[in-house]
């Protein structure tokens, strides 16, 4: 087969890689999109979409169990685990078919099915023997699930996000290793579907929440549904057709589970790229050193985007990074910095969790915190979802909102409004001057905004005094 040449070679056909290829081609570059499988994006195949399908099933079961609160009598839900998992895969596969069609729609010759590694700064060698000569290269190889060596002896019973959705039916019990976003989301979904769940994490906090009060509020809510053990190390060994999980640290114990679900992080997929031959500088963990505003690795003709850079492993960020990297790769040596959007992370537990913008240190005297509890909030009580806490962070001088930590009902929607406000540099007073409909979850944010106004010495709009926050 003949060697290949192009302006921009993109390694990896996930969300970031596809965005990079589109962006580079849109800016006039001849592109190649190189991937060893073209099996679909992480989000569609093994991430966002199948996990939300499982969460939806769990929510349906939970709603039946909670119906009595509203005077609606219903028998306990009967969970058909096989039907649950079949629907997850069926609907996932529909999303996946649509996703894969975008590869089919690429111009002829752009998609190259092969595994690539560096042979020089802009020279790639493919596993089929061909060489690719490019002006610039974009690394968008994504990430992979890390499985601790302490579970090697039970690897046949270890699940990750890349395998759990292939289970033919629901197991009776699962130990979840990792209390981050994915671990908690799947833990709650499985628990609501009748699976016995215990979550373990070596960190002190859950959901990556640095705000201790918001973390404590979320933990209290989730503990009503499943066990959570933090600050512990875990290991597994075979036991009675399952896994005996042993833990030590803050607590010590052991328990048998049918499976172990490992959600302990997804390191960048970089080890087979021969990065040392690219000439780019690598950080302590082997990840290329790059600028977030350009996605360029140093001053080299190599760019990086998406989960491969271990910076903001979220779909919308991967898409943005790919777009930036692809454009700058096409225009190189001209490289234009772009102002990145405000950091914004959602966790789809119930209640949802959001971390937006800057979370300040507790002893930062230049920042004030506004608090809004949902324990007694009007709409939350109507919906029997009255639990959770929101913290807004703002500058003491002027009350400009710089970030938030949120664990409360409807947060996945409200958080977008907060992220918009942070990105636009709005103050608490300016937000209070906006319309808040009654009775909604959104008006439950007002106490936090008022507290910031008071602490910052700014006056809330007079109209706010006439608008109740609760009945």
Protein backbone atom coordinates (compact mmCIF):
# COMPACT_ATOMS: atom_id res chain seq x y z
CA UNK A 1 0.00 0.00 0.00
CA UNK A 2 1.28 3.51 -0.83
CA UNK A 3 2.42 5.93 1.86
CA UNK A 4 0.14 8.84 2.74
CA UNK A 5 0.58 12.59 3.04
CA UNK A 6 -1.63 15.38 4.35
CA UNK A 7 -1.65 18.78 6.00
CA UNK A 8 -3.19 17.63 9.28
CA UNK A 9 -3.14 14.07 10.61
CA UNK A 10 -5.54 13.41 13.47
CA UNK A 11 -4.95 10.32 15.61
CA UNK A 12 -8.21 9.13 17.17
CA UNK A 13 -11.80 9.29 15.90
CA UNK A 14 -13.64 10.10 19.10
CA UNK A 15 -15.42 13.36 19.87
CA UNK A 16 -12.23 15.44 19.97
CA UNK A 17 -10.66 13.79 16.93
CA UNK A 18 -13.71 14.24 14.74
CA UNK A 19 -14.05 17.87 15.83
CA UNK A 20 -10.36 18.44 15.04
CA UNK A 21 -10.64 16.87 11.59
CA UNK A 22 -13.78 18.88 10.73
CA UNK A 23 -12.21 22.09 11.95
CA UNK A 24 -8.97 21.55 10.06
CA UNK A 25 -10.80 20.64 6.84
CA UNK A 26 -13.07 23.66 7.24
CA UNK A 27 -9.94 25.82 7.32
CA UNK A 28 -8.68 24.43 4.05
CA UNK A 29 -6.41 21.62 5.21
CA UNK A 30 -6.10 18.21 3.60
CA UNK A 31 -6.84 15.86 6.50
CA UNK A 32 -6.49 12.25 7.57
CA UNK A 33 -8.46 10.80 10.49
CA UNK A 34 -6.62 7.74 11.79
CA UNK A 35 -8.24 5.24 14.15
CA UNK A 36 -7.66 1.54 14.76
CA UNK A 37 -11.35 0.66 15.21
CA UNK A 38 -13.79 3.51 14.37
CA UNK A 39 -16.09 1.95 16.97
CA UNK A 40 -17.90 5.15 18.01
CA UNK A 41 -17.27 7.85 20.56
CA UNK A 42 -16.83 7.00 24.24
CA UNK A 43 -19.96 9.00 25.03
CA UNK A 44 -22.23 7.05 22.72
CA UNK A 45 -20.68 3.59 22.94
CA UNK A 46 -19.73 3.17 26.61
CA UNK A 47 -20.31 6.47 28.41
CA UNK A 48 -22.94 9.19 28.53
CA UNK A 49 -25.75 7.54 26.61
CA UNK A 50 -25.83 3.95 27.93
CA UNK A 51 -25.27 5.18 31.47
CA UNK A 52 -28.22 7.58 31.17
CA UNK A 53 -30.35 4.74 29.82
CA UNK A 54 -29.54 2.71 32.93
CA UNK A 55 -30.18 5.75 35.13
CA UNK A 56 -33.59 6.24 33.48
CA UNK A 57 -34.53 2.66 34.32
CA UNK A 58 -33.48 3.21 37.92
CA UNK A 59 -35.51 6.43 38.12
CA UNK A 60 -38.61 4.59 36.87
CA UNK A 61 -38.28 1.98 39.62
CA UNK A 62 -37.61 4.66 42.24
CA UNK A 63 -40.71 6.62 41.20
CA UNK A 64 -42.88 3.55 41.77
CA UNK A 65 -41.44 3.04 45.25
CA UNK A 66 -42.01 6.72 46.11
CA UNK A 67 -45.55 6.88 44.77
CA UNK A 68 -47.05 6.27 48.24
CA UNK A 69 -45.71 9.65 49.37
CA UNK A 70 -48.31 11.28 47.12
CA UNK A 71 -51.16 8.98 48.14
CA UNK A 72 -50.72 6.77 45.10
CA UNK A 73 -50.74 3.10 46.00
CA UNK A 74 -48.57 0.82 43.88
CA UNK A 75 -47.05 -2.61 44.47
CA UNK A 76 -43.26 -2.81 44.75
CA UNK A 77 -41.72 -2.72 41.27
CA UNK A 78 -40.75 -6.03 39.72
CA UNK A 79 -37.39 -5.59 38.01
CA UNK A 80 -36.76 -7.64 34.87
CA UNK A 81 -32.98 -7.34 34.73
CA UNK A 82 -32.71 -8.95 31.32
CA UNK A 83 -35.27 -6.55 29.84
CA UNK A 84 -33.52 -3.57 31.46
CA UNK A 85 -30.16 -4.45 29.93
CA UNK A 86 -31.68 -5.34 26.56
CA UNK A 87 -33.27 -1.90 26.34
CA UNK A 88 -30.02 -0.21 27.35
CA UNK A 89 -28.19 -1.94 24.50
CA UNK A 90 -31.02 -1.55 21.99
CA UNK A 91 -31.32 2.20 22.47
CA UNK A 92 -27.54 2.59 22.79
CA UNK A 93 -27.10 0.84 19.46
CA UNK A 94 -29.51 3.28 17.81
CA UNK A 95 -27.41 6.19 19.03
CA UNK A 96 -24.30 4.33 17.93
CA UNK A 97 -25.60 3.70 14.41
CA UNK A 98 -26.25 7.42 13.99
CA UNK A 99 -22.82 8.21 15.41
CA UNK A 100 -21.03 5.82 13.07
CA UNK A 101 -22.85 7.33 10.10
CA UNK A 102 -20.76 10.47 10.58
CA UNK A 103 -17.69 8.39 9.71
CA UNK A 104 -19.40 7.07 6.59
CA UNK A 105 -20.16 10.66 5.60
CA UNK A 106 -16.50 11.74 5.64
CA UNK A 107 -14.96 12.63 2.27
CA UNK A 108 -13.38 9.67 0.52
CA UNK A 109 -9.88 8.87 1.73
CA UNK A 110 -10.08 10.83 5.00
CA UNK A 111 -10.74 7.86 7.30
CA UNK A 112 -7.73 5.57 7.73
CA UNK A 113 -8.31 2.41 9.78
CA UNK A 114 -4.97 1.72 11.39
CA UNK A 115 -2.96 2.15 14.58
CA UNK A 116 -0.49 5.03 14.45
CA UNK A 117 2.69 5.91 16.31
CA UNK A 118 5.23 8.68 15.96
CA UNK A 119 8.42 8.20 13.94
CA UNK A 120 9.24 11.92 14.03
CA UNK A 121 7.57 15.25 14.91
CA UNK A 122 5.16 15.04 11.94
CA UNK A 123 5.82 11.53 10.66
CA UNK A 124 3.61 8.62 11.66
CA UNK A 125 4.05 4.92 11.10
CA UNK A 126 0.91 2.80 10.76
CA UNK A 127 0.62 -0.82 11.83
CA UNK A 128 -0.13 -1.80 8.23
CA UNK A 129 3.37 -0.68 7.23
CA UNK A 130 2.48 2.66 5.67
CA UNK A 131 4.00 6.00 6.61
CA UNK A 132 2.07 9.26 6.99
CA UNK A 133 3.83 12.56 6.28
CA UNK A 134 1.96 15.57 7.68
CA UNK A 135 2.57 19.27 8.31
CA UNK A 136 0.95 18.98 11.74
CA UNK A 137 -0.48 16.25 13.97
CA UNK A 138 -3.38 16.28 16.44
CA UNK A 139 -3.34 13.70 19.23
CA UNK A 140 -6.91 12.76 20.17
CA UNK A 141 -6.53 9.17 21.33
CA UNK A 142 -8.91 9.43 24.29
CA UNK A 143 -8.59 7.45 27.51
CA UNK A 144 -9.09 3.99 28.94
CA UNK A 145 -10.47 2.62 32.23
CA UNK A 146 -7.79 2.01 34.84
CA UNK A 147 -8.10 -1.25 36.80
CA UNK A 148 -6.00 -1.54 39.99
CA UNK A 149 -3.60 -4.48 40.17
CA UNK A 150 -5.24 -5.46 43.46
CA UNK A 151 -8.10 -6.92 41.39
CA UNK A 152 -5.96 -8.90 38.92
CA UNK A 153 -6.91 -12.23 40.50
CA UNK A 154 -10.60 -11.63 39.78
CA UNK A 155 -10.25 -9.91 36.41
CA UNK A 156 -12.99 -12.12 34.93
CA UNK A 157 -15.49 -10.56 37.35
CA UNK A 158 -14.26 -6.98 37.04
CA UNK A 159 -16.51 -4.58 35.11
CA UNK A 160 -15.73 -1.13 33.71
CA UNK A 161 -17.87 1.34 31.83
CA UNK A 162 -16.70 -0.46 28.68
CA UNK A 163 -18.13 -3.82 29.75
CA UNK A 164 -20.96 -3.30 32.23
CA UNK A 165 -23.56 -2.52 29.58
CA UNK A 166 -22.93 -5.91 27.97
CA UNK A 167 -24.17 -7.83 31.02
CA UNK A 168 -27.06 -10.08 29.95
CA UNK A 169 -28.96 -9.26 33.15
CA UNK A 170 -28.55 -7.41 36.42
CA UNK A 171 -26.30 -9.03 39.06
CA UNK A 172 -27.41 -9.41 42.67
CA UNK A 173 -24.54 -7.38 44.13
CA UNK A 174 -21.77 -5.08 42.91
CA UNK A 175 -18.87 -3.37 44.65
CA UNK A 176 -18.16 -0.02 43.01
CA UNK A 177 -14.55 1.12 43.21
CA UNK A 178 -14.50 4.89 42.80
CA UNK A 179 -16.92 7.54 44.08
CA UNK A 180 -16.50 9.92 41.18
CA UNK A 181 -19.21 10.93 38.73
CA UNK A 182 -19.48 7.65 36.83
CA UNK A 183 -19.17 5.45 39.92
CA UNK A 184 -21.94 7.27 41.79
CA UNK A 185 -24.22 7.50 38.77
CA UNK A 186 -24.06 3.77 38.06
CA UNK A 187 -24.13 2.86 41.75
CA UNK A 188 -27.40 4.72 42.30
CA UNK A 189 -28.97 3.41 39.09
CA UNK A 190 -28.10 -0.19 39.96
CA UNK A 191 -29.22 0.23 43.56
CA UNK A 192 -32.61 1.51 42.43
CA UNK A 193 -32.88 -1.54 40.18
CA UNK A 194 -32.48 -3.86 43.16
CA UNK A 195 -28.73 -4.50 43.05
CA UNK A 196 -26.96 -4.48 46.43
CA UNK A 197 -24.30 -1.75 46.18
CA UNK A 198 -21.34 -0.61 48.22
CA UNK A 199 -19.14 2.22 46.94
CA UNK A 200 -15.47 2.42 47.94
CA UNK A 201 -13.00 5.26 47.39
CA UNK A 202 -9.52 6.03 48.66
CA UNK A 203 -10.27 9.77 48.63
CA UNK A 204 -11.99 11.64 51.41
CA UNK A 205 -14.71 13.25 49.32
CA UNK A 206 -17.28 11.92 46.86
CA UNK A 207 -18.26 13.31 43.45
CA UNK A 208 -15.04 15.33 43.38
CA UNK A 209 -16.67 17.95 45.60
CA UNK A 210 -14.09 20.19 47.26
CA UNK A 211 -16.78 22.08 49.17
CA UNK A 212 -17.12 20.10 52.40
CA UNK A 213 -20.65 21.24 53.25
CA UNK A 214 -22.08 20.45 49.82
CA UNK A 215 -20.24 17.12 49.80
CA UNK A 216 -21.67 16.25 53.21
CA UNK A 217 -25.17 17.11 52.03
CA UNK A 218 -24.88 14.89 48.97
CA UNK A 219 -23.37 12.04 50.99
CA UNK A 220 -26.22 12.17 53.52
CA UNK A 221 -28.76 11.88 50.69
CA UNK A 222 -27.04 9.03 48.87
CA UNK A 223 -26.38 7.02 52.04
CA UNK A 224 -30.14 6.50 52.29
CA UNK A 225 -29.90 4.34 49.15
CA UNK A 226 -26.52 2.56 49.30
CA UNK A 227 -23.37 2.26 51.39
CA UNK A 228 -20.37 4.55 50.77
CA UNK A 229 -16.95 3.93 52.33
CA UNK A 230 -14.24 6.55 51.74
CA UNK A 231 -10.57 6.79 52.71
CA UNK A 232 -10.12 3.06 52.19
CA UNK A 233 -7.89 0.88 50.02
CA UNK A 234 -9.45 -2.17 48.40
CA UNK A 235 -8.40 -5.52 46.99
CA UNK A 236 -10.25 -8.53 45.65
CA UNK A 237 -9.87 -12.28 45.64
CA UNK A 238 -12.02 -15.14 44.31
CA UNK A 239 -14.80 -16.31 46.65
CA UNK A 240 -17.82 -18.57 46.06
CA UNK A 241 -18.20 -17.71 42.38
CA UNK A 242 -17.81 -14.01 43.11
CA UNK A 243 -15.34 -11.52 44.54
CA UNK A 244 -14.36 -11.11 48.16
CA UNK A 245 -13.60 -7.41 48.51
CA UNK A 246 -11.37 -6.50 51.42
CA UNK A 247 -10.91 -2.92 52.54
CA UNK A 248 -8.65 -1.17 55.01
CA UNK A 249 -7.87 2.37 56.06
CA UNK A 250 -10.43 4.52 57.83
CA UNK A 251 -12.49 1.35 58.16
CA UNK A 252 -11.64 -2.33 57.77
CA UNK A 253 -13.77 -5.22 56.58
CA UNK A 254 -14.59 -7.69 53.83
CA UNK A 255 -17.68 -8.70 51.85
CA UNK A 256 -18.56 -10.91 48.90
CA UNK A 257 -19.99 -9.41 45.70
CA UNK A 258 -21.02 -10.90 42.36
CA UNK A 259 -18.99 -8.31 40.46
CA UNK A 260 -16.65 -5.38 40.96
CA UNK A 261 -17.30 -2.25 38.92
CA UNK A 262 -14.08 -0.23 38.65
CA UNK A 263 -14.59 3.46 38.01
CA UNK A 264 -11.31 4.68 39.45
CA UNK A 265 -10.38 7.02 36.62
CA UNK A 266 -9.56 6.98 32.91
CA UNK A 267 -5.90 7.75 32.13
CA UNK A 268 -4.97 9.16 28.70
CA UNK A 269 -4.40 6.53 26.00
CA UNK A 270 -0.85 7.52 25.07
CA UNK A 271 1.53 4.67 25.85
CA UNK A 272 1.66 3.15 22.35
CA UNK A 273 2.29 6.42 20.49
CA UNK A 274 6.08 6.52 20.91
CA UNK A 275 5.75 10.14 22.04
CA UNK A 276 9.48 10.39 22.71
CA UNK A 277 9.98 10.45 18.93
CA UNK A 278 7.61 13.40 18.51
CA UNK A 279 10.06 15.81 20.13
CA UNK A 280 7.43 17.31 22.41
CA UNK A 281 7.91 17.91 26.14
CA UNK A 282 6.16 15.46 28.45
CA UNK A 283 4.98 16.17 31.97
CA UNK A 284 5.55 14.04 35.06
CA UNK A 285 2.82 11.56 34.13
CA UNK A 286 3.83 11.28 30.49
CA UNK A 287 1.14 13.66 29.23
CA UNK A 288 2.31 16.26 26.67
CA UNK A 289 2.77 19.79 27.99
CA UNK A 290 0.37 22.07 26.12
CA UNK A 291 -1.46 25.41 26.28
CA UNK A 292 -5.20 25.17 26.95
CA UNK A 293 -5.91 28.27 24.87
CA UNK A 294 -4.30 26.87 21.70
CA UNK A 295 -3.99 23.10 22.37
CA UNK A 296 -0.44 23.33 20.98
CA UNK A 297 2.30 21.22 22.55
CA UNK A 298 5.01 23.77 23.26
CA UNK A 299 6.10 25.43 20.02
CA UNK A 300 5.88 22.17 18.06
CA UNK A 301 3.62 21.25 15.12
CA UNK A 302 1.84 18.78 17.41
CA UNK A 303 -1.51 19.54 19.07
CA UNK A 304 -3.61 17.58 21.55
CA UNK A 305 -7.32 17.48 22.40
CA UNK A 306 -9.93 15.65 24.44
CA UNK A 307 -9.36 13.01 27.11
CA UNK A 308 -5.84 12.44 25.80
CA UNK A 309 -4.67 15.66 27.50
CA UNK A 310 -6.16 14.72 30.93
CA UNK A 311 -7.37 18.29 31.43
CA UNK A 312 -11.16 18.52 31.07
CA UNK A 313 -12.47 15.00 30.33
CA UNK A 314 -16.00 16.04 29.38
CA UNK A 315 -17.72 15.77 26.00
CA UNK A 316 -18.41 19.46 25.35
CA UNK A 317 -14.83 20.30 26.36
CA UNK A 318 -13.47 17.57 24.07
CA UNK A 319 -15.45 19.01 21.18
CA UNK A 320 -14.22 22.53 21.93
CA UNK A 321 -10.62 21.38 22.28
CA UNK A 322 -10.81 19.44 19.03
CA UNK A 323 -12.16 22.48 17.21
CA UNK A 324 -9.39 24.69 18.59
CA UNK A 325 -6.67 22.13 17.89
CA UNK A 326 -7.89 21.41 14.35
CA UNK A 327 -8.05 25.05 13.38
CA UNK A 328 -4.63 25.88 14.78
CA UNK A 329 -3.14 22.75 13.21
CA UNK A 330 -4.52 23.83 9.83
CA UNK A 331 -3.25 27.42 10.18
CA UNK A 332 0.14 26.53 11.71
CA UNK A 333 2.59 28.22 12.10
CA UNK A 334 -0.05 30.87 12.84
CA UNK A 335 -1.63 29.86 16.14
CA UNK A 336 -4.50 31.85 17.67
CA UNK A 337 -5.40 31.52 21.36
CA UNK A 338 -9.07 31.14 22.29
CA UNK A 339 -10.71 32.07 25.58
CA UNK A 340 -12.00 28.80 27.02
CA UNK A 341 -15.49 28.44 28.44
CA UNK A 342 -16.02 28.39 32.21
CA UNK A 343 -15.24 24.97 33.75
CA UNK A 344 -18.55 23.13 34.18
CA UNK A 345 -19.01 19.56 35.45
CA UNK A 346 -22.29 17.71 35.97
CA UNK A 347 -22.90 14.43 37.77
CA UNK A 348 -26.25 12.79 36.97
CA UNK A 349 -27.07 11.42 40.39
CA UNK A 350 -30.36 12.20 42.13
CA UNK A 351 -30.00 14.93 43.18
CA UNK A 352 -27.67 16.02 40.40
CA UNK A 353 -24.33 17.63 41.22
CA UNK A 354 -22.67 20.56 39.48
CA UNK A 355 -19.32 22.25 39.98
CA UNK A 356 -18.93 25.49 38.05
CA UNK A 357 -16.06 27.94 37.70
CA UNK A 358 -13.71 28.51 40.63
CA UNK A 359 -14.09 26.75 43.98
CA UNK A 360 -12.07 28.91 46.40
CA UNK A 361 -10.09 27.77 49.42
CA UNK A 362 -12.13 27.95 52.61
CA UNK A 363 -9.80 30.60 54.08
CA UNK A 364 -9.85 32.91 51.03
CA UNK A 365 -10.85 36.29 52.47
CA UNK A 366 -11.43 37.89 49.05
CA UNK A 367 -14.36 35.57 48.35
CA UNK A 368 -17.79 35.31 49.98
CA UNK A 369 -20.08 32.28 49.92
CA UNK A 370 -23.86 32.38 49.56
CA UNK A 371 -25.84 29.37 50.79
CA UNK A 372 -29.18 28.00 49.67
CA UNK A 373 -30.65 24.92 51.34
CA UNK A 374 -33.33 22.91 49.57
CA UNK A 375 -34.48 21.17 52.75
CA UNK A 376 -37.35 23.66 53.15
CA UNK A 377 -37.70 24.97 49.59
CA UNK A 378 -41.27 25.29 48.34
CA UNK A 379 -41.20 23.46 45.00
CA UNK A 380 -38.84 20.83 46.40
CA UNK A 381 -41.33 20.04 49.19
CA UNK A 382 -44.16 19.81 46.65
CA UNK A 383 -42.14 17.22 44.72
CA UNK A 384 -40.96 15.41 47.90
CA UNK A 385 -37.39 16.18 46.85
CA UNK A 386 -36.60 18.65 49.61
CA UNK A 387 -32.94 17.93 50.27
CA UNK A 388 -29.65 19.35 49.05
CA UNK A 389 -27.42 22.40 49.26
CA UNK A 390 -26.10 25.06 46.89
CA UNK A 391 -23.09 27.31 47.48
CA UNK A 392 -22.32 30.31 45.27
CA UNK A 393 -18.87 31.91 45.41
CA UNK A 394 -18.44 35.58 44.65
CA UNK A 395 -15.89 38.36 44.96
CA UNK A 396 -16.19 40.26 48.22
CA UNK A 397 -15.66 43.42 46.22
CA UNK A 398 -18.81 43.81 44.12
CA UNK A 399 -20.32 40.35 44.52
CA UNK A 400 -19.36 39.01 41.08
CA UNK A 401 -20.20 35.28 40.85
CA UNK A 402 -17.05 33.24 40.17
CA UNK A 403 -18.28 29.70 40.79
CA UNK A 404 -20.68 27.33 42.48
CA UNK A 405 -20.98 23.88 44.04
CA UNK A 406 -24.49 22.48 43.77
CA UNK A 407 -26.19 19.28 44.93
CA UNK A 408 -29.94 19.79 44.77
CA UNK A 409 -33.01 18.89 42.69
CA UNK A 410 -33.05 20.09 39.05
CA UNK A 411 -29.41 21.16 39.26
CA UNK A 412 -28.61 19.82 35.77
CA UNK A 413 -30.87 22.58 34.41
CA UNK A 414 -30.21 25.37 36.92
CA UNK A 415 -26.45 24.90 36.62
CA UNK A 416 -26.53 26.01 33.01
CA UNK A 417 -27.95 29.38 34.05
CA UNK A 418 -25.25 29.69 36.71
CA UNK A 419 -22.51 28.78 34.22
CA UNK A 420 -23.81 31.41 31.81
CA UNK A 421 -23.78 33.98 34.62
CA UNK A 422 -20.21 33.12 35.66
CA UNK A 423 -18.97 33.31 32.08
CA UNK A 424 -20.69 36.66 31.58
CA UNK A 425 -19.27 38.06 34.82
CA UNK A 426 -22.64 38.73 36.43
CA UNK A 427 -23.00 39.87 40.03
CA UNK A 428 -25.42 38.48 42.59
CA UNK A 429 -27.39 41.73 42.44
CA UNK A 430 -27.69 41.49 38.66
CA UNK A 431 -28.98 37.93 38.91
CA UNK A 432 -31.56 38.93 41.52
CA UNK A 433 -32.76 41.54 39.05
CA UNK A 434 -33.70 38.73 36.64
CA UNK A 435 -37.18 37.14 36.66
CA UNK A 436 -37.69 34.14 38.96
CA UNK A 437 -40.98 32.34 38.40
CA UNK A 438 -42.91 31.04 41.41
CA UNK A 439 -43.00 28.23 42.45
CA UNK A 440 -39.87 26.78 40.84
CA UNK A 441 -36.62 25.16 41.92
CA UNK A 442 -34.79 28.16 40.44
CA UNK A 443 -36.17 30.61 43.00
CA UNK A 444 -34.55 28.46 45.65
CA UNK A 445 -31.23 30.01 44.58
CA UNK A 446 -32.27 33.47 45.75
CA UNK A 447 -31.22 33.12 49.41
CA UNK A 448 -27.65 32.43 48.28
CA UNK A 449 -27.66 35.50 46.05
CA UNK A 450 -29.10 37.69 48.79
CA UNK A 451 -26.45 36.46 51.24
CA UNK A 452 -23.73 37.46 48.77
CA UNK A 453 -25.25 40.90 48.31
CA UNK A 454 -25.29 41.41 52.07
CA UNK A 455 -21.70 40.18 52.54
CA UNK A 456 -20.41 42.20 49.60
CA UNK A 457 -22.22 45.34 50.72
CA UNK A 458 -24.27 45.62 47.54
CA UNK A 459 -27.97 46.30 47.49
CA UNK A 460 -30.29 43.70 46.05
CA UNK A 461 -32.81 45.18 43.58
CA UNK A 462 -35.89 46.52 45.32
CA UNK A 463 -38.13 44.34 43.15
CA UNK A 464 -36.60 41.23 44.77
CA UNK A 465 -38.21 42.15 48.09
CA UNK A 466 -41.64 41.72 46.52
CA UNK A 467 -40.95 38.26 45.14
CA UNK A 468 -41.33 35.41 47.63
CA UNK A 469 -38.94 32.48 47.54
CA UNK A 470 -41.47 30.07 48.99
CA UNK A 471 -45.17 29.93 49.81
